[in-house]
Amino acid sequence: MQTLIRTATQDDIDTLFSIRTSVVQNHLSVEQMAELGITPQVLAESIEAAPCVWVAEVDGRAVAFAMVDLAEGEVFAMFVLPTYENLGLGRQLMAVAEAALFEHHDRLYLITDGRDEIRANGFYQRLGWVVVGQVDGDDVRYEKSRAQ
């Protein structure tokens, strides 16, 4: 199995949406993402403005991605196709995303569903992220500082 982490390009936009809509936990449809303002056009503009999305490939196939908001210091998205989970791709993507954010910020954050059954919470905690508070509904805010 050959893996590669690379910066996303405009050509990856459909694949990013496909990966995002394939997940079981924290699933959103294309329509739900559009209601939140996440559209192919917005993603294209973000990719054009700065290197803010990274793709993990396995044997030449894009199977996971991470996206950050460089200005805000936020890990905005981190998703892996269900059939490629537990291969370390999330860890690799988070390392790249965190490094990019730490170039601009001393403290990073992300927001995710805080319910116990959501596996992402354990993942973030194992990587040194700490819950700092409740946000909307079941969502929680995690933070990580450069010192951690």
C-alpha atoms as a PDB file:
ATOM      1  CA  MET A   1       0.000   0.000   0.000  1.00  0.00           C
ATOM      2  CA  GLN A   2       1.516   3.280  -1.123  1.00  0.00           C
ATOM      3  CA  THR A   3       0.269   6.450   0.585  1.00  0.00           C
ATOM      4  CA  LEU A   4       0.793  10.069  -0.364  1.00  0.00           C
ATOM      5  CA  ILE A   5      -0.311  13.306   1.303  1.00  0.00           C
ATOM      6  CA  ARG A   6      -0.546  16.198  -1.141  1.00  0.00           C
ATOM      7  CA  THR A   7      -2.089  19.633  -1.490  1.00  0.00           C
ATOM      8  CA  ALA A   8      -5.535  19.553  -3.079  1.00  0.00           C
ATOM      9  CA  THR A   9      -6.179  21.164  -6.439  1.00  0.00           C
ATOM     10  CA  GLN A  10      -9.286  22.360  -8.246  1.00  0.00           C
ATOM     11  CA  ASP A  11      -9.454  18.926  -9.882  1.00  0.00           C
ATOM     12  CA  ASP A  12     -10.094  17.358  -6.451  1.00  0.00           C
ATOM     13  CA  ILE A  13     -13.304  19.236  -5.629  1.00  0.00           C
ATOM     14  CA  ASP A  14     -15.749  16.528  -6.729  1.00  0.00           C
ATOM     15  CA  THR A  15     -13.670  13.905  -4.912  1.00  0.00           C
ATOM     16  CA  LEU A  16     -13.653  15.978  -1.711  1.00  0.00           C
ATOM     17  CA  PHE A  17     -17.435  16.172  -1.798  1.00  0.00           C
ATOM     18  CA  SER A  18     -17.638  12.443  -2.493  1.00  0.00           C
ATOM     19  CA  ILE A  19     -15.431  11.648   0.516  1.00  0.00           C
ATOM     20  CA  ARG A  20     -17.350  14.078   2.745  1.00  0.00           C
ATOM     21  CA  THR A  21     -20.727  12.606   1.860  1.00  0.00           C
ATOM     22  CA  SER A  22     -19.529   9.005   2.290  1.00  0.00           C
ATOM     23  CA  VAL A  23     -18.875   9.142   6.029  1.00  0.00           C
ATOM     24  CA  VAL A  24     -21.247   7.452   8.457  1.00  0.00           C
ATOM     25  CA  GLN A  25     -20.742   9.622  11.543  1.00  0.00           C
ATOM     26  CA  ASN A  26     -21.246  13.372  11.151  1.00  0.00           C
ATOM     27  CA  HIS A  27     -22.752  12.747   7.716  1.00  0.00           C
ATOM     28  CA  LEU A  28     -23.956  15.668   5.624  1.00  0.00           C
ATOM     29  CA  SER A  29     -25.494  15.535   2.171  1.00  0.00           C
ATOM     30  CA  VAL A  30     -24.481  17.904  -0.613  1.00  0.00           C
ATOM     31  CA  GLU A  31     -27.744  19.775  -0.006  1.00  0.00           C
ATOM     32  CA  GLN A  32     -27.066  20.106   3.726  1.00  0.00           C
ATOM     33  CA  MET A  33     -23.555  21.390   3.034  1.00  0.00           C
ATOM     34  CA  ALA A  34     -24.957  23.949   0.591  1.00  0.00           C
ATOM     35  CA  GLU A  35     -27.339  25.175   3.298  1.00  0.00           C
ATOM     36  CA  LEU A  36     -24.247  25.750   5.465  1.00  0.00           C
ATOM     37  CA  GLY A  37     -22.556  27.668   2.654  1.00  0.00           C
ATOM     38  CA  ILE A  38     -20.207  24.831   1.664  1.00  0.00           C
ATOM     39  CA  THR A  39     -20.411  24.647  -2.116  1.00  0.00           C
ATOM     40  CA  PRO A  40     -18.015  23.618  -4.898  1.00  0.00           C
ATOM     41  CA  GLN A  41     -17.518  27.315  -5.726  1.00  0.00           C
ATOM     42  CA  VAL A  42     -16.613  28.201  -2.131  1.00  0.00           C
ATOM     43  CA  LEU A  43     -14.223  25.271  -1.947  1.00  0.00           C
ATOM     44  CA  ALA A  44     -12.630  26.265  -5.267  1.00  0.00           C
ATOM     45  CA  GLU A  45     -12.110  29.828  -4.014  1.00  0.00           C
ATOM     46  CA  SER A  46     -10.556  28.550  -0.779  1.00  0.00           C
ATOM     47  CA  ILE A  47      -8.148  26.261  -2.621  1.00  0.00           C
ATOM     48  CA  GLU A  48      -7.198  29.098  -4.974  1.00  0.00           C
ATOM     49  CA  ALA A  49      -6.588  31.563  -2.132  1.00  0.00           C
ATOM     50  CA  ALA A  50      -4.150  29.457  -0.099  1.00  0.00           C
ATOM     51  CA  PRO A  51      -2.952  25.910   0.459  1.00  0.00           C
ATOM     52  CA  CYS A  52      -5.666  24.913   2.908  1.00  0.00           C
ATOM     53  CA  VAL A  53      -6.763  21.417   1.827  1.00  0.00           C
ATOM     54  CA  TRP A  54      -4.677  18.253   1.783  1.00  0.00           C
ATOM     55  CA  VAL A  55      -5.600  14.914   0.264  1.00  0.00           C
ATOM     56  CA  ALA A  56      -4.444  11.461   1.317  1.00  0.00           C
ATOM     57  CA  GLU A  57      -4.044   9.031  -1.540  1.00  0.00           C
ATOM     58  CA  VAL A  58      -3.701   5.265  -1.274  1.00  0.00           C
ATOM     59  CA  ASP A  59      -2.321   3.596  -4.371  1.00  0.00           C
ATOM     60  CA  GLY A  60      -3.193   6.704  -6.392  1.00  0.00           C
ATOM     61  CA  ARG A  61      -6.782   7.012  -5.138  1.00  0.00           C
ATOM     62  CA  ALA A  62      -7.870  10.026  -3.056  1.00  0.00           C
ATOM     63  CA  VAL A  63      -9.459   8.543   0.081  1.00  0.00           C
ATOM     64  CA  ALA A  64      -9.246  11.222   2.785  1.00  0.00           C
ATOM     65  CA  PHE A  65      -8.792  14.949   3.231  1.00  0.00           C
ATOM     66  CA  ALA A  66      -8.247  17.681   5.781  1.00  0.00           C
ATOM     67  CA  MET A  67      -9.152  21.347   5.393  1.00  0.00           C
ATOM     68  CA  VAL A  68      -8.187  24.323   7.523  1.00  0.00           C
ATOM     69  CA  ASP A  69      -9.147  27.956   7.852  1.00  0.00           C
ATOM     70  CA  LEU A  70      -5.702  29.577   7.965  1.00  0.00           C
ATOM     71  CA  ALA A  71      -7.027  32.984   9.028  1.00  0.00           C
ATOM     72  CA  GLU A  72      -9.033  31.622  11.974  1.00  0.00           C
ATOM     73  CA  GLY A  73      -6.676  28.837  13.073  1.00  0.00           C
ATOM     74  CA  GLU A  74      -9.371  26.192  12.642  1.00  0.00           C
ATOM     75  CA  VAL A  75      -9.259  22.617  11.442  1.00  0.00           C
ATOM     76  CA  PHE A  76     -12.431  22.882   9.399  1.00  0.00           C
ATOM     77  CA  ALA A  77     -12.722  19.319   8.087  1.00  0.00           C
ATOM     78  CA  MET A  78     -11.043  15.923   8.412  1.00  0.00           C
ATOM     79  CA  PHE A  79     -12.715  12.972   6.696  1.00  0.00           C
ATOM     80  CA  VAL A  80     -11.670   9.482   5.628  1.00  0.00           C
ATOM     81  CA  LEU A  81     -13.587   7.087   3.399  1.00  0.00           C
ATOM     82  CA  PRO A  82     -15.009   4.393   5.710  1.00  0.00           C
ATOM     83  CA  THR A  83     -13.154   1.575   3.937  1.00  0.00           C
ATOM     84  CA  TYR A  84      -9.816   3.356   4.534  1.00  0.00           C
ATOM     85  CA  GLU A  85     -10.208   4.103   8.243  1.00  0.00           C
ATOM     86  CA  ASN A  86      -7.606   2.876  10.750  1.00  0.00           C
ATOM     87  CA  LEU A  87      -4.680   3.138   8.321  1.00  0.00           C
ATOM     88  CA  GLY A  88      -3.134   6.232   9.938  1.00  0.00           C
ATOM     89  CA  LEU A  89      -4.285   8.592   7.201  1.00  0.00           C
ATOM     90  CA  GLY A  90      -6.138  10.839   9.635  1.00  0.00           C
ATOM     91  CA  ARG A  91      -3.024  11.187  11.791  1.00  0.00           C
ATOM     92  CA  GLN A  92      -0.925  12.074   8.757  1.00  0.00           C
ATOM     93  CA  LEU A  93      -3.443  14.633   7.533  1.00  0.00           C
ATOM     94  CA  MET A  94      -3.815  16.195  10.987  1.00  0.00           C
ATOM     95  CA  ALA A  95      -0.023  16.532  11.281  1.00  0.00           C
ATOM     96  CA  VAL A  96       0.080  18.477   8.004  1.00  0.00           C
ATOM     97  CA  ALA A  97      -2.965  20.593   8.906  1.00  0.00           C
ATOM     98  CA  GLU A  98      -1.654  21.421  12.384  1.00  0.00           C
ATOM     99  CA  ALA A  99       1.788  22.341  11.029  1.00  0.00           C
ATOM    100  CA  ALA A 100       0.223  24.745   8.523  1.00  0.00           C
ATOM    101  CA  LEU A 101      -1.928  26.356  11.210  1.00  0.00           C
ATOM    102  CA  PHE A 102       0.895  26.608  13.752  1.00  0.00           C
ATOM    103  CA  GLU A 103       2.819  28.720  11.220  1.00  0.00           C
ATOM    104  CA  HIS A 104       0.191  31.426  11.856  1.00  0.00           C
ATOM    105  CA  HIS A 105      -1.298  30.696  15.294  1.00  0.00           C
ATOM    106  CA  ASP A 106      -0.190  29.594  18.760  1.00  0.00           C
ATOM    107  CA  ARG A 107      -3.580  28.043  19.545  1.00  0.00           C
ATOM    108  CA  LEU A 108      -5.727  26.045  17.130  1.00  0.00           C
ATOM    109  CA  TYR A 109      -9.327  24.943  17.368  1.00  0.00           C
ATOM    110  CA  LEU A 110     -11.895  22.662  15.827  1.00  0.00           C
ATOM    111  CA  ILE A 111     -15.571  22.039  16.456  1.00  0.00           C
ATOM    112  CA  THR A 112     -17.189  18.629  16.258  1.00  0.00           C
ATOM    113  CA  ASP A 113     -20.072  16.586  17.589  1.00  0.00           C
ATOM    114  CA  GLY A 114     -19.260  15.924  21.246  1.00  0.00           C
ATOM    115  CA  ARG A 115     -21.458  12.889  21.817  1.00  0.00           C
ATOM    116  CA  ASP A 116     -19.638   9.909  23.357  1.00  0.00           C
ATOM    117  CA  GLU A 117     -20.398   7.587  20.460  1.00  0.00           C
ATOM    118  CA  ILE A 118     -18.648   9.854  17.939  1.00  0.00           C
ATOM    119  CA  ARG A 119     -15.257   8.226  17.294  1.00  0.00           C
ATOM    120  CA  ALA A 120     -13.618  11.487  16.212  1.00  0.00           C
ATOM    121  CA  ASN A 121     -13.567  12.647  19.824  1.00  0.00           C
ATOM    122  CA  GLY A 122     -11.204   9.880  20.890  1.00  0.00           C
ATOM    123  CA  PHE A 123      -9.082  10.515  17.806  1.00  0.00           C
ATOM    124  CA  TYR A 124      -8.676  14.214  18.596  1.00  0.00           C
ATOM    125  CA  GLN A 125      -7.982  13.546  22.262  1.00  0.00           C
ATOM    126  CA  ARG A 126      -5.258  11.003  21.393  1.00  0.00           C
ATOM    127  CA  LEU A 127      -3.633  13.725  19.283  1.00  0.00           C
ATOM    128  CA  GLY A 128      -3.526  16.128  22.226  1.00  0.00           C
ATOM    129  CA  TRP A 129      -6.642  18.189  21.544  1.00  0.00           C
ATOM    130  CA  VAL A 130      -8.585  19.273  24.642  1.00  0.00           C
ATOM    131  CA  VAL A 131     -12.306  20.030  24.956  1.00  0.00           C
ATOM    132  CA  VAL A 132     -12.675  23.615  26.165  1.00  0.00           C
ATOM    133  CA  GLY A 133     -16.434  24.022  25.985  1.00  0.00           C
ATOM    134  CA  GLN A 134     -19.840  23.321  24.532  1.00  0.00           C
ATOM    135  CA  VAL A 135     -20.861  25.135  21.361  1.00  0.00           C
ATOM    136  CA  ASP A 136     -24.245  24.606  19.667  1.00  0.00           C
ATOM    137  CA  GLY A 137     -26.368  21.584  20.549  1.00  0.00           C
ATOM    138  CA  ASP A 138     -24.091  18.570  20.945  1.00  0.00           C
ATOM    139  CA  ASP A 139     -21.066  20.289  19.393  1.00  0.00           C
ATOM    140  CA  VAL A 140     -17.899  20.901  21.389  1.00  0.00           C
ATOM    141  CA  ARG A 141     -14.868  23.075  20.816  1.00  0.00           C
ATOM    142  CA  TYR A 142     -11.429  21.480  20.988  1.00  0.00           C
ATOM    143  CA  GLU A 143      -8.214  23.451  21.249  1.00  0.00           C
ATOM    144  CA  LYS A 144      -4.564  22.621  20.895  1.00  0.00           C
ATOM    145  CA  SER A 145      -1.688  24.926  21.642  1.00  0.00           C
ATOM    146  CA  ARG A 146       1.812  24.872  20.262  1.00  0.00           C
ATOM    147  CA  ALA A 147       3.136  23.800  23.683  1.00  0.00           C
ATOM    148  CA  GLN A 148       1.071  20.573  23.760  1.00  0.00           C
END
